PDB file of N, CA and C in Angstrom:
ATOM      1  N   UNK A   1     -11.539   0.223  -6.433  1.00  0.00           N
ATOM      2  CA  UNK A   1     -10.441   0.775  -5.653  1.00  0.00           C
ATOM      3  C   UNK A   1      -9.839   1.787  -7.079  1.00  0.00           C
ATOM      4  N   UNK A   2      -9.705   3.324  -6.671  1.00  0.00           N
ATOM      5  CA  UNK A   2      -9.180   4.093  -7.884  1.00  0.00           C
ATOM      6  C   UNK A   2      -7.737   4.379  -7.509  1.00  0.00           C
ATOM      7  N   UNK A   3      -7.024   4.537  -8.607  1.00  0.00           N
ATOM      8  CA  UNK A   3      -5.699   4.664  -8.300  1.00  0.00           C
ATOM      9  C   UNK A   3      -5.242   6.337  -8.279  1.00  0.00           C
ATOM     10  N   UNK A   4      -5.308   7.065  -7.071  1.00  0.00           N
ATOM     11  CA  UNK A   4      -5.323   8.365  -6.773  1.00  0.00           C
ATOM     12  C   UNK A   4      -4.242   8.187  -5.510  1.00  0.00           C
ATOM     13  N   UNK A   5      -3.477   9.513  -5.147  1.00  0.00           N
ATOM     14  CA  UNK A   5      -2.828   9.624  -4.087  1.00  0.00           C
ATOM     15  C   UNK A   5      -3.601   9.260  -2.884  1.00  0.00           C
ATOM     16  N   UNK A   6      -4.700   9.856  -2.554  1.00  0.00           N
ATOM     17  CA  UNK A   6      -5.514   9.938  -1.633  1.00  0.00           C
ATOM     18  C   UNK A   6      -5.898   8.294  -1.267  1.00  0.00           C
ATOM     19  N   UNK A   7      -6.251   7.597  -2.267  1.00  0.00           N
ATOM     20  CA  UNK A   7      -6.407   6.113  -1.930  1.00  0.00           C
ATOM     21  C   UNK A   7      -5.305   5.589  -1.673  1.00  0.00           C
ATOM     22  N   UNK A   8      -3.979   5.693  -2.289  1.00  0.00           N
ATOM     23  CA  UNK A   8      -2.853   4.873  -1.850  1.00  0.00           C
ATOM     24  C   UNK A   8      -2.575   5.387  -0.351  1.00  0.00           C
ATOM     25  N   UNK A   9      -2.768   6.636   0.057  1.00  0.00           N
ATOM     26  CA  UNK A   9      -2.472   7.359   1.389  1.00  0.00           C
ATOM     27  C   UNK A   9      -3.435   6.400   2.374  1.00  0.00           C
ATOM     28  N   UNK A  10      -4.664   6.348   2.014  1.00  0.00           N
ATOM     29  CA  UNK A  10      -5.665   5.688   2.675  1.00  0.00           C
ATOM     30  C   UNK A  10      -5.073   4.299   3.138  1.00  0.00           C
ATOM     31  N   UNK A  11      -4.935   3.544   1.912  1.00  0.00           N
ATOM     32  CA  UNK A  11      -4.341   2.332   2.198  1.00  0.00           C
ATOM     33  C   UNK A  11      -3.249   1.961   3.015  1.00  0.00           C
ATOM     34  N   UNK A  12      -2.143   2.776   2.827  1.00  0.00           N
ATOM     35  CA  UNK A  12      -0.921   2.620   3.698  1.00  0.00           C
ATOM     36  C   UNK A  12      -1.490   2.937   5.212  1.00  0.00           C
ATOM     37  N   UNK A  13      -2.052   4.097   5.280  1.00  0.00           N
ATOM     38  CA  UNK A  13      -2.361   4.455   6.584  1.00  0.00           C
ATOM     39  C   UNK A  13      -2.894   3.395   7.449  1.00  0.00           C
ATOM     40  N   UNK A  14      -4.006   2.832   6.752  1.00  0.00           N
ATOM     41  CA  UNK A  14      -4.728   1.714   7.297  1.00  0.00           C
ATOM     42  C   UNK A  14      -3.944   0.594   7.934  1.00  0.00           C
ATOM     43  N   UNK A  15      -3.064   0.225   7.044  1.00  0.00           N
ATOM     44  CA  UNK A  15      -1.998  -0.763   7.344  1.00  0.00           C
ATOM     45  C   UNK A  15      -1.025  -0.546   8.265  1.00  0.00           C
ATOM     46  N   UNK A  16      -0.839   0.817   8.374  1.00  0.00           N
ATOM     47  CA  UNK A  16       0.166   1.341   9.690  1.00  0.00           C
ATOM     48  C   UNK A  16      -0.293   1.698  10.876  1.00  0.00           C
ATOM     49  N   UNK A  17      -2.069   1.630  10.982  1.00  0.00           N
ATOM     50  CA  UNK A  17      -2.607   2.416  11.965  1.00  0.00           C
ATOM     51  C   UNK A  17      -2.314   3.607  12.255  1.00  0.00           C
ATOM     52  N   UNK A  18      -2.312   4.330  11.050  1.00  0.00           N
ATOM     53  CA  UNK A  18      -2.512   5.861  11.052  1.00  0.00           C
ATOM     54  C   UNK A  18      -3.614   6.566  10.580  1.00  0.00           C
ATOM     55  N   UNK A  19      -3.996   7.767  11.094  1.00  0.00           N
ATOM     56  CA  UNK A  19      -5.127   8.456  10.670  1.00  0.00           C
ATOM     57  C   UNK A  19      -4.606   9.240   9.199  1.00  0.00           C
ATOM     58  N   UNK A  20      -5.372   8.895   8.345  1.00  0.00           N
ATOM     59  CA  UNK A  20      -4.746   9.304   6.926  1.00  0.00           C
ATOM     60  C   UNK A  20      -4.718  10.776   6.768  1.00  0.00           C
ATOM     61  N   UNK A  21      -5.803  11.284   7.535  1.00  0.00           N
ATOM     62  CA  UNK A  21      -5.701  12.885   7.509  1.00  0.00           C
ATOM     63  C   UNK A  21      -4.434  13.325   8.344  1.00  0.00           C
ATOM     64  N   UNK A  22      -3.577  12.668   8.907  1.00  0.00           N
ATOM     65  CA  UNK A  22      -2.404  13.286   9.568  1.00  0.00           C
ATOM     66  C   UNK A  22      -1.349  13.217   8.677  1.00  0.00           C
ATOM     67  N   UNK A  23      -1.194  12.492   7.360  1.00  0.00           N
ATOM     68  CA  UNK A  23      -0.268  12.359   6.329  1.00  0.00           C
ATOM     69  C   UNK A  23      -0.274  13.774   5.604  1.00  0.00           C
ATOM     70  N   UNK A  24       0.821  14.280   5.967  1.00  0.00           N
ATOM     71  CA  UNK A  24       1.159  15.544   5.120  1.00  0.00           C
ATOM     72  C   UNK A  24       1.776  15.548   3.903  1.00  0.00           C
ATOM     73  N   UNK A  25       2.627  14.463   3.381  1.00  0.00           N
ATOM     74  CA  UNK A  25       2.857  14.533   1.975  1.00  0.00           C
ATOM     75  C   UNK A  25       3.642  12.977   2.096  1.00  0.00           C
ATOM     76  N   UNK A  26       3.636  12.674   0.702  1.00  0.00           N
ATOM     77  CA  UNK A  26       4.081  11.346   0.250  1.00  0.00           C
ATOM     78  C   UNK A  26       5.292  11.573  -0.849  1.00  0.00           C
ATOM     79  N   UNK A  27       6.532  10.727  -0.523  1.00  0.00           N
ATOM     80  CA  UNK A  27       7.559  11.158  -1.332  1.00  0.00           C
ATOM     81  C   UNK A  27       8.081   9.595  -1.803  1.00  0.00           C
ATOM     82  N   UNK A  28       8.773   9.650  -3.079  1.00  0.00           N
ATOM     83  CA  UNK A  28       9.252   8.220  -3.317  1.00  0.00           C
ATOM     84  C   UNK A  28      10.840   8.508  -3.215  1.00  0.00           C
ATOM     85  N   UNK A  29      11.608   7.756  -2.680  1.00  0.00           N
ATOM     86  CA  UNK A  29      12.909   7.669  -2.593  1.00  0.00           C
ATOM     87  C   UNK A  29      13.565   6.542  -3.523  1.00  0.00           C
ATOM     88  N   UNK A  30      14.344   6.950  -4.356  1.00  0.00           N
ATOM     89  CA  UNK A  30      14.822   6.018  -5.524  1.00  0.00           C
ATOM     90  C   UNK A  30      16.078   5.699  -4.904  1.00  0.00           C
ATOM     91  N   UNK A  31      16.585   4.607  -5.638  1.00  0.00           N
ATOM     92  CA  UNK A  31      17.910   3.905  -5.307  1.00  0.00           C
ATOM     93  C   UNK A  31      19.060   4.832  -5.179  1.00  0.00           C
ATOM     94  N   UNK A  32      19.126   6.145  -5.828  1.00  0.00           N
ATOM     95  CA  UNK A  32      20.141   7.022  -5.811  1.00  0.00           C
ATOM     96  C   UNK A  32      20.134   7.801  -4.628  1.00  0.00           C
ATOM     97  N   UNK A  33      18.744   7.831  -3.828  1.00  0.00           N
ATOM     98  CA  UNK A  33      18.416   8.971  -2.795  1.00  0.00           C
ATOM     99  C   UNK A  33      17.706  10.112  -3.070  1.00  0.00           C
ATOM    100  N   UNK A  34      17.538  10.036  -4.427  1.00  0.00           N
ATOM    101  CA  UNK A  34      16.601  11.347  -4.862  1.00  0.00           C
ATOM    102  C   UNK A  34      15.185  11.132  -4.245  1.00  0.00           C
ATOM    103  N   UNK A  35      14.434  12.265  -3.787  1.00  0.00           N
ATOM    104  CA  UNK A  35      12.978  12.370  -3.315  1.00  0.00           C
ATOM    105  C   UNK A  35      12.323  12.840  -4.339  1.00  0.00           C
ATOM    106  N   UNK A  36      11.047  12.192  -4.607  1.00  0.00           N
ATOM    107  CA  UNK A  36      10.317  12.651  -5.702  1.00  0.00           C
ATOM    108  C   UNK A  36       8.833  12.471  -4.972  1.00  0.00           C
ATOM    109  N   UNK A  37       8.327  13.998  -5.145  1.00  0.00           N
ATOM    110  CA  UNK A  37       6.786  14.242  -4.615  1.00  0.00           C
ATOM    111  C   UNK A  37       5.830  13.334  -5.630  1.00  0.00           C
ATOM    112  N   UNK A  38       5.002  12.513  -4.528  1.00  0.00           N
ATOM    113  CA  UNK A  38       4.196  11.756  -5.398  1.00  0.00           C
ATOM    114  C   UNK A  38       2.766  12.441  -5.518  1.00  0.00           C
ATOM    115  N   UNK A  39       2.273  12.176  -6.677  1.00  0.00           N
ATOM    116  CA  UNK A  39       0.955  12.983  -6.925  1.00  0.00           C
ATOM    117  C   UNK A  39       0.260  12.098  -7.907  1.00  0.00           C
ATOM    118  N   UNK A  40      -1.080  12.125  -8.144  1.00  0.00           N
ATOM    119  CA  UNK A  40      -2.058  11.392  -8.804  1.00  0.00           C
ATOM    120  C   UNK A  40      -1.683  10.432 -10.036  1.00  0.00           C
ATOM    121  N   UNK A  41      -0.702  11.226 -10.931  1.00  0.00           N
ATOM    122  CA  UNK A  41      -0.015  10.855 -12.152  1.00  0.00           C
ATOM    123  C   UNK A  41       0.775   9.790 -11.815  1.00  0.00           C
ATOM    124  N   UNK A  42       1.649  10.083 -10.738  1.00  0.00           N
ATOM    125  CA  UNK A  42       2.798   8.947 -10.287  1.00  0.00           C
ATOM    126  C   UNK A  42       1.967   7.810  -9.741  1.00  0.00           C
ATOM    127  N   UNK A  43       0.875   7.836  -9.087  1.00  0.00           N
ATOM    128  CA  UNK A  43       0.233   6.375  -8.511  1.00  0.00           C
ATOM    129  C   UNK A  43      -0.321   5.852  -9.925  1.00  0.00           C
ATOM    130  N   UNK A  44      -0.861   6.595 -10.767  1.00  0.00           N
ATOM    131  CA  UNK A  44      -1.620   5.942 -12.031  1.00  0.00           C
ATOM    132  C   UNK A  44      -0.449   5.077 -12.595  1.00  0.00           C
ATOM    133  N   UNK A  45       0.925   5.585 -12.549  1.00  0.00           N
ATOM    134  CA  UNK A  45       1.776   4.896 -13.275  1.00  0.00           C
ATOM    135  C   UNK A  45       2.468   3.798 -12.552  1.00  0.00           C
ATOM    136  N   UNK A  46       2.482   3.684 -11.243  1.00  0.00           N
ATOM    137  CA  UNK A  46       2.810   2.645 -10.528  1.00  0.00           C
ATOM    138  C   UNK A  46       2.290   0.928 -11.075  1.00  0.00           C
ATOM    139  N   UNK A  47       3.258   0.143 -11.129  1.00  0.00           N
ATOM    140  CA  UNK A  47       3.002  -0.966 -11.746  1.00  0.00           C
ATOM    141  C   UNK A  47       2.070  -1.825 -10.524  1.00  0.00           C
ATOM    142  N   UNK A  48       0.769  -2.359 -11.174  1.00  0.00           N
ATOM    143  CA  UNK A  48      -0.006  -3.011 -10.330  1.00  0.00           C
ATOM    144  C   UNK A  48       0.514  -4.178  -9.321  1.00  0.00           C
ATOM    145  N   UNK A  49       0.623  -4.392  -8.131  1.00  0.00           N
ATOM    146  CA  UNK A  49       1.264  -5.378  -7.387  1.00  0.00           C
ATOM    147  C   UNK A  49       2.791  -4.893  -6.641  1.00  0.00           C
ATOM    148  N   UNK A  50       3.282  -3.674  -7.152  1.00  0.00           N
ATOM    149  CA  UNK A  50       4.499  -3.114  -6.683  1.00  0.00           C
ATOM    150  C   UNK A  50       4.947  -3.386  -5.259  1.00  0.00           C
ATOM    151  N   UNK A  51       6.011  -4.099  -5.070  1.00  0.00           N
ATOM    152  CA  UNK A  51       6.304  -4.234  -3.745  1.00  0.00           C
ATOM    153  C   UNK A  51       6.938  -2.870  -3.344  1.00  0.00           C
ATOM    154  N   UNK A  52       6.808  -2.557  -1.901  1.00  0.00           N
ATOM    155  CA  UNK A  52       7.684  -1.386  -1.644  1.00  0.00           C
ATOM    156  C   UNK A  52       7.782  -1.461   0.053  1.00  0.00           C
ATOM    157  N   UNK A  53       8.556  -0.552   0.246  1.00  0.00           N
ATOM    158  CA  UNK A  53       8.761  -0.537   2.068  1.00  0.00           C
ATOM    159  C   UNK A  53       8.394   0.937   1.956  1.00  0.00           C
ATOM    160  N   UNK A  54       7.695   1.177   3.326  1.00  0.00           N
ATOM    161  CA  UNK A  54       7.118   2.605   3.524  1.00  0.00           C
ATOM    162  C   UNK A  54       7.898   2.987   5.064  1.00  0.00           C
ATOM    163  N   UNK A  55       8.510   4.004   4.805  1.00  0.00           N
ATOM    164  CA  UNK A  55       9.062   4.772   6.225  1.00  0.00           C
ATOM    165  C   UNK A  55       8.172   5.841   6.613  1.00  0.00           C
ATOM    166  N   UNK A  56       7.819   5.813   7.573  1.00  0.00           N
ATOM    167  CA  UNK A  56       6.773   6.656   8.150  1.00  0.00           C
ATOM    168  C   UNK A  56       7.588   7.707   9.266  1.00  0.00           C
ATOM    169  N   UNK A  57       7.672   9.002   8.679  1.00  0.00           N
ATOM    170  CA  UNK A  57       8.394  10.139   9.508  1.00  0.00           C
ATOM    171  C   UNK A  57       7.323  10.833  10.026  1.00  0.00           C
ATOM    172  N   UNK A  58       7.488  11.082  11.409  1.00  0.00           N
ATOM    173  CA  UNK A  58       6.778  12.044  12.042  1.00  0.00           C
ATOM    174  C   UNK A  58       7.347  13.501  11.952  1.00  0.00           C
ATOM    175  N   UNK A  59       6.468  14.459  11.513  1.00  0.00           N
ATOM    176  CA  UNK A  59       6.920  15.884  11.134  1.00  0.00           C
ATOM    177  C   UNK A  59       6.325  16.825  12.255  1.00  0.00           C
ATOM    178  N   UNK A  60       6.942  17.577  12.528  1.00  0.00           N
ATOM    179  CA  UNK A  60       6.603  18.910  13.643  1.00  0.00           C
ATOM    180  C   UNK A  60       7.398  19.901  13.370  1.00  0.00           C
ATOM    181  N   UNK A  61       6.467  20.783  12.794  1.00  0.00           N
ATOM    182  CA  UNK A  61       6.938  22.228  12.418  1.00  0.00           C
ATOM    183  C   UNK A  61       6.151  23.496  13.263  1.00  0.00           C
ATOM    184  N   UNK A  62       7.091  24.408  13.187  1.00  0.00           N
ATOM    185  CA  UNK A  62       6.564  25.625  13.756  1.00  0.00           C
ATOM    186  C   UNK A  62       5.896  26.372  12.830  1.00  0.00           C
ATOM    187  N   UNK A  63       5.971  26.431  11.478  1.00  0.00           N
ATOM    188  CA  UNK A  63       5.128  27.102  10.483  1.00  0.00           C
ATOM    189  C   UNK A  63       3.903  25.952   9.991  1.00  0.00           C
ATOM    190  N   UNK A  64       2.984  26.783   9.568  1.00  0.00           N
ATOM    191  CA  UNK A  64       1.838  26.011   9.066  1.00  0.00           C
ATOM    192  C   UNK A  64       2.049  25.274   7.809  1.00  0.00           C
ATOM    193  N   UNK A  65       1.839  23.950   7.957  1.00  0.00           N
ATOM    194  CA  UNK A  65       2.166  23.249   6.393  1.00  0.00           C
ATOM    195  C   UNK A  65       0.929  22.511   5.908  1.00  0.00           C
ATOM    196  N   UNK A  66       0.465  23.048   4.472  1.00  0.00           N
ATOM    197  CA  UNK A  66      -0.561  22.613   3.704  1.00  0.00           C
ATOM    198  C   UNK A  66      -0.362  21.112   3.600  1.00  0.00           C
ATOM    199  N   UNK A  67      -1.498  20.319   3.599  1.00  0.00           N
ATOM    200  CA  UNK A  67      -1.777  19.059   3.129  1.00  0.00           C
ATOM    201  C   UNK A  67      -1.708  19.069   1.451  1.00  0.00           C
ATOM    202  N   UNK A  68      -1.454  17.686   0.978  1.00  0.00           N
ATOM    203  CA  UNK A  68      -1.113  17.872  -0.490  1.00  0.00           C
ATOM    204  C   UNK A  68      -2.388  17.953  -1.193  1.00  0.00           C
ATOM    205  N   UNK A  69      -3.609  17.897  -0.623  1.00  0.00           N
ATOM    206  CA  UNK A  69      -4.838  18.247  -1.124  1.00  0.00           C
ATOM    207  C   UNK A  69      -5.572  19.389  -0.718  1.00  0.00           C
ATOM    208  N   UNK A  70      -5.062  20.421  -0.115  1.00  0.00           N
ATOM    209  CA  UNK A  70      -5.715  21.551   0.381  1.00  0.00           C
ATOM    210  C   UNK A  70      -5.459  22.355  -1.022  1.00  0.00           C
ATOM    211  N   UNK A  71      -6.558  23.425  -1.156  1.00  0.00           N
ATOM    212  CA  UNK A  71      -6.579  24.451  -2.370  1.00  0.00           C
ATOM    213  C   UNK A  71      -5.092  25.083  -2.542  1.00  0.00           C
ATOM    214  N   UNK A  72      -4.999  25.425  -3.614  1.00  0.00           N
ATOM    215  CA  UNK A  72      -3.875  26.442  -4.150  1.00  0.00           C
ATOM    216  C   UNK A  72      -4.392  27.764  -4.027  1.00  0.00           C
ATOM    217  N   UNK A  73      -3.401  28.693  -4.397  1.00  0.00           N
ATOM    218  CA  UNK A  73      -3.779  30.141  -4.426  1.00  0.00           C
ATOM    219  C   UNK A  73      -4.474  30.203  -5.738  1.00  0.00           C
ATOM    220  N   UNK A  74      -4.510  29.583  -6.725  1.00  0.00           N
ATOM    221  CA  UNK A  74      -5.344  29.699  -8.048  1.00  0.00           C
ATOM    222  C   UNK A  74      -6.610  28.901  -8.158  1.00  0.00           C
ATOM    223  N   UNK A  75      -6.930  28.200  -6.885  1.00  0.00           N
ATOM    224  CA  UNK A  75      -8.310  27.207  -6.980  1.00  0.00           C
ATOM    225  C   UNK A  75      -9.489  28.379  -6.576  1.00  0.00           C
ATOM    226  N   UNK A  76     -10.609  27.734  -6.889  1.00  0.00           N
ATOM    227  CA  UNK A  76     -11.522  28.546  -6.257  1.00  0.00           C
ATOM    228  C   UNK A  76     -12.024  28.029  -5.053  1.00  0.00           C
ATOM    229  N   UNK A  77     -12.368  29.136  -4.227  1.00  0.00           N
ATOM    230  CA  UNK A  77     -12.417  28.904  -2.681  1.00  0.00           C
ATOM    231  C   UNK A  77     -14.077  29.369  -2.380  1.00  0.00           C
ATOM    232  N   UNK A  78     -14.633  28.765  -1.628  1.00  0.00           N
ATOM    233  CA  UNK A  78     -15.954  29.144  -0.931  1.00  0.00           C
ATOM    234  C   UNK A  78     -15.799  29.982   0.561  1.00  0.00           C
ATOM    235  N   UNK A  79     -16.731  30.872   0.800  1.00  0.00           N
ATOM    236  CA  UNK A  79     -16.587  31.303   2.058  1.00  0.00           C
ATOM    237  C   UNK A  79     -16.207  30.630   3.219  1.00  0.00           C
ATOM    238  N   UNK A  80     -15.195  30.722   4.165  1.00  0.00           N
ATOM    239  CA  UNK A  80     -14.717  30.152   5.204  1.00  0.00           C
ATOM    240  C   UNK A  80     -13.679  29.084   4.777  1.00  0.00           C
ATOM    241  N   UNK A  81     -13.495  28.785   3.679  1.00  0.00           N
ATOM    242  CA  UNK A  81     -12.425  27.832   3.262  1.00  0.00           C
ATOM    243  C   UNK A  81     -11.007  28.295   3.882  1.00  0.00           C
ATOM    244  N   UNK A  82     -10.832  29.795   3.562  1.00  0.00           N
ATOM    245  CA  UNK A  82      -9.395  30.077   3.818  1.00  0.00           C
ATOM    246  C   UNK A  82      -9.163  29.961   5.213  1.00  0.00           C
ATOM    247  N   UNK A  83      -9.820  30.070   6.317  1.00  0.00           N
ATOM    248  CA  UNK A  83      -9.450  29.902   7.614  1.00  0.00           C
ATOM    249  C   UNK A  83      -9.131  28.517   7.864  1.00  0.00           C
ATOM    250  N   UNK A  84      -9.763  27.470   7.092  1.00  0.00           N
ATOM    251  CA  UNK A  84      -9.658  26.167   7.507  1.00  0.00           C
ATOM    252  C   UNK A  84      -8.174  25.648   6.909  1.00  0.00           C
ATOM    253  N   UNK A  85      -7.790  26.284   5.715  1.00  0.00           N
ATOM    254  CA  UNK A  85      -6.493  26.112   5.271  1.00  0.00           C
ATOM    255  C   UNK A  85      -5.374  26.831   6.260  1.00  0.00           C
ATOM    256  N   UNK A  86      -5.411  28.052   6.780  1.00  0.00           N
ATOM    257  CA  UNK A  86      -4.702  28.494   7.690  1.00  0.00           C
ATOM    258  C   UNK A  86      -4.433  27.691   9.183  1.00  0.00           C
ATOM    259  N   UNK A  87      -5.513  27.124   9.717  1.00  0.00           N
ATOM    260  CA  UNK A  87      -5.409  26.354  10.851  1.00  0.00           C
ATOM    261  C   UNK A  87      -4.901  25.218  10.698  1.00  0.00           C
ATOM    262  N   UNK A  88      -4.616  24.555   9.600  1.00  0.00           N
ATOM    263  CA  UNK A  88      -4.054  23.110   9.305  1.00  0.00           C
ATOM    264  C   UNK A  88      -3.161  22.873  10.369  1.00  0.00           C
ATOM    265  N   UNK A  89      -3.279  21.547  11.132  1.00  0.00           N
ATOM    266  CA  UNK A  89      -2.172  21.294  12.435  1.00  0.00           C
ATOM    267  C   UNK A  89      -0.869  21.089  11.441  1.00  0.00           C
ATOM    268  N   UNK A  90       0.159  21.323  12.057  1.00  0.00           N
ATOM    269  CA  UNK A  90       1.607  21.454  11.336  1.00  0.00           C
ATOM    270  C   UNK A  90       2.232  20.428  12.054  1.00  0.00           C
ATOM    271  N   UNK A  91       1.516  19.264  12.836  1.00  0.00           N
ATOM    272  CA  UNK A  91       2.169  18.234  13.001  1.00  0.00           C
ATOM    273  C   UNK A  91       1.706  16.960  12.086  1.00  0.00           C
ATOM    274  N   UNK A  92       2.267  16.022  11.896  1.00  0.00           N
ATOM    275  CA  UNK A  92       1.629  14.901  11.017  1.00  0.00           C
ATOM    276  C   UNK A  92       2.754  13.835  10.598  1.00  0.00           C
ATOM    277  N   UNK A  93       2.539  13.116   9.516  1.00  0.00           N
ATOM    278  CA  UNK A  93       3.523  12.306   9.372  1.00  0.00           C
ATOM    279  C   UNK A  93       3.817  12.609   7.644  1.00  0.00           C
ATOM    280  N   UNK A  94       4.873  12.121   7.418  1.00  0.00           N
ATOM    281  CA  UNK A  94       5.457  11.780   5.962  1.00  0.00           C
ATOM    282  C   UNK A  94       5.735  10.677   5.500  1.00  0.00           C
ATOM    283  N   UNK A  95       5.191  10.080   4.579  1.00  0.00           N
ATOM    284  CA  UNK A  95       5.309   8.676   3.822  1.00  0.00           C
ATOM    285  C   UNK A  95       6.608   8.673   3.073  1.00  0.00           C
ATOM    286  N   UNK A  96       7.404   7.812   3.081  1.00  0.00           N
ATOM    287  CA  UNK A  96       8.690   7.664   2.053  1.00  0.00           C
ATOM    288  C   UNK A  96       8.371   6.423   1.457  1.00  0.00           C
ATOM    289  N   UNK A  97       8.312   6.273   0.071  1.00  0.00           N
ATOM    290  CA  UNK A  97       7.917   4.810  -0.586  1.00  0.00           C
ATOM    291  C   UNK A  97       9.436   4.640  -0.911  1.00  0.00           C
ATOM    292  N   UNK A  98      10.070   3.341  -0.644  1.00  0.00           N
ATOM    293  CA  UNK A  98      11.381   3.013  -1.217  1.00  0.00           C
ATOM    294  C   UNK A  98      10.917   1.526  -2.109  1.00  0.00           C
ATOM    295  N   UNK A  99      11.438   1.699  -3.154  1.00  0.00           N
ATOM    296  CA  UNK A  99      11.319   0.530  -4.040  1.00  0.00           C
ATOM    297  C   UNK A  99      12.087   0.522  -5.236  1.00  0.00           C
TER     298      UNK A  99
END
């Protein structure tokens, strides 16, 4: 198992019976209530076996929302990739990690 955000989301989604591709973002909520966007560096620094509670929030938006792993404006894109990004489903889930 690798220690990436995608692998963490896949693991959590499988335990919660969710489709991993429907997870739009993953956040950590600390004890003070501060929300922190989780990325690969954050996942690599998580202690092995860290206990946590996960809140699954259903998101519905009128405007398109990009998933965390979609290409950014500075990334190289191949013909046809742009329309796939524009057509991303705007409903999905947000994972909130509490520990």
